[in-house]
Protein backbone atom coordinates (compact mmCIF):
# COMPACT_ATOMS: atom_id res chain seq x y z
CA UNK A 1 -15.56 13.87 210.25
CA UNK A 2 -15.19 16.16 206.40
CA UNK A 3 -19.09 15.89 205.98
CA UNK A 4 -19.59 17.32 210.12
CA UNK A 5 -17.09 20.01 209.42
CA UNK A 6 -18.60 21.05 206.16
CA UNK A 7 -22.03 20.99 208.37
CA UNK A 8 -20.68 23.29 210.99
CA UNK A 9 -19.11 25.52 208.61
CA UNK A 10 -22.58 25.79 206.71
CA UNK A 11 -24.31 26.78 210.52
CA UNK A 12 -21.75 29.41 211.09
CA UNK A 13 -22.17 30.89 207.67
CA UNK A 14 -26.19 30.56 208.47
CA UNK A 15 -25.65 32.27 211.45
CA UNK A 16 -23.61 35.23 210.06
CA UNK A 17 -25.62 36.04 207.33
CA UNK A 18 -28.56 36.26 209.83
CA UNK A 19 -26.28 38.31 212.32
CA UNK A 20 -26.23 40.49 209.28
CA UNK A 21 -29.60 40.92 208.24
CA UNK A 22 -30.65 41.74 211.74
CA UNK A 23 -27.84 44.44 212.16
CA UNK A 24 -29.06 45.72 208.22
CA UNK A 25 -32.29 45.97 209.03
CA UNK A 26 -32.35 47.88 212.50
CA UNK A 27 -29.12 50.02 211.00
CA UNK A 28 -26.70 49.26 213.44
CA UNK A 29 -22.89 48.72 212.67
CA UNK A 30 -21.61 47.65 216.10
CA UNK A 31 -23.42 45.69 219.41
CA UNK A 32 -21.43 44.63 222.23
CA UNK A 33 -22.07 41.54 224.02
CA UNK A 34 -20.90 40.02 226.91
CA UNK A 35 -19.07 37.17 224.83
CA UNK A 36 -18.32 39.28 221.92
CA UNK A 37 -18.56 42.67 220.15
CA UNK A 38 -20.10 42.27 216.53
CA UNK A 39 -19.61 44.76 214.14
CA UNK A 40 -19.58 46.08 210.65
CA UNK A 41 -17.10 47.40 208.39
CA UNK A 42 -16.96 48.51 205.00
CA UNK A 43 -16.45 45.65 202.33
CA UNK A 44 -13.56 46.34 200.51
CA UNK A 45 -12.80 46.61 195.97
CA UNK A 46 -12.06 43.28 195.34
CA UNK A 47 -9.63 41.95 192.20
CA UNK A 48 -11.39 40.09 189.35
CA UNK A 49 -9.26 38.42 186.77
CA UNK A 50 -11.14 37.73 183.90
CA UNK A 51 -8.27 36.79 180.96
CA UNK A 52 -5.39 35.34 182.21
CA UNK A 53 -3.72 35.31 179.01
CA UNK A 54 -3.58 39.35 178.91
CA UNK A 55 -1.67 39.70 182.14
CA UNK A 56 1.67 41.36 182.03
CA UNK A 57 4.27 38.55 183.06
CA UNK A 58 4.87 41.43 185.93
CA UNK A 59 1.61 40.00 187.41
CA UNK A 60 2.53 36.32 188.02
CA UNK A 61 4.39 34.21 190.75
CA UNK A 62 6.29 31.62 190.28
CA UNK A 63 6.10 28.85 192.91
CA UNK A 64 8.75 26.88 193.96
CA UNK A 65 8.01 23.52 195.63
CA UNK A 66 10.48 20.52 196.13
CA UNK A 67 10.20 17.60 194.19
CA UNK A 68 10.47 14.42 196.67
CA UNK A 69 9.43 11.87 194.05
CA UNK A 70 12.88 13.58 192.14
CA UNK A 71 15.09 12.96 195.24
CA UNK A 72 13.73 9.37 196.04
CA UNK A 73 14.43 8.46 192.77
CA UNK A 74 17.91 9.66 193.02
CA UNK A 75 19.09 8.20 196.18
CA UNK A 76 17.53 5.11 194.87
CA UNK A 77 19.78 5.13 191.97
CA UNK A 78 22.92 5.59 194.27
CA UNK A 79 23.18 9.27 193.97
CA UNK A 80 23.74 11.77 196.94
CA UNK A 81 21.71 14.54 197.47
CA UNK A 82 23.09 17.96 198.85
CA UNK A 83 20.89 18.82 201.79
CA UNK A 84 18.94 15.71 201.98
CA UNK A 85 19.03 13.52 205.06
CA UNK A 86 18.02 9.58 204.97
CA UNK A 87 15.68 8.68 207.82
CA UNK A 88 16.15 4.85 208.57
CA UNK A 89 14.55 5.13 211.90
CA UNK A 90 10.99 5.24 210.53
CA UNK A 91 7.83 4.11 212.34
CA UNK A 92 6.06 0.86 210.79
CA UNK A 93 2.93 1.42 209.40
CA UNK A 94 -0.20 -0.79 209.70
CA UNK A 95 -1.68 -1.77 206.46
CA UNK A 96 -5.23 -2.94 206.13
CA UNK A 97 -6.51 -4.86 203.05
CA UNK A 98 -10.05 -5.27 203.02
CA UNK A 99 -11.82 -8.61 201.82
């Protein structure tokens, strides 16, 4: 399925590139069709970080993620973790071992 999705993405990118070339060659910025309106917009400036070590602290972002492994370990050790429920009503899972 992943390969199929990638194929569709590549095909869409190819169509987009072709439409850009045709519109550019015809000097068109907007085309109205029965199923869609195609328009070319000016590109926006993009930022490229060339050396992360030189970036001041104010331009960094810290991400907080739940550490489910630590929560599971604490519960297995008999601890109560505030804000966590243990769901024991879970569906059985099917395991298939190939030979």
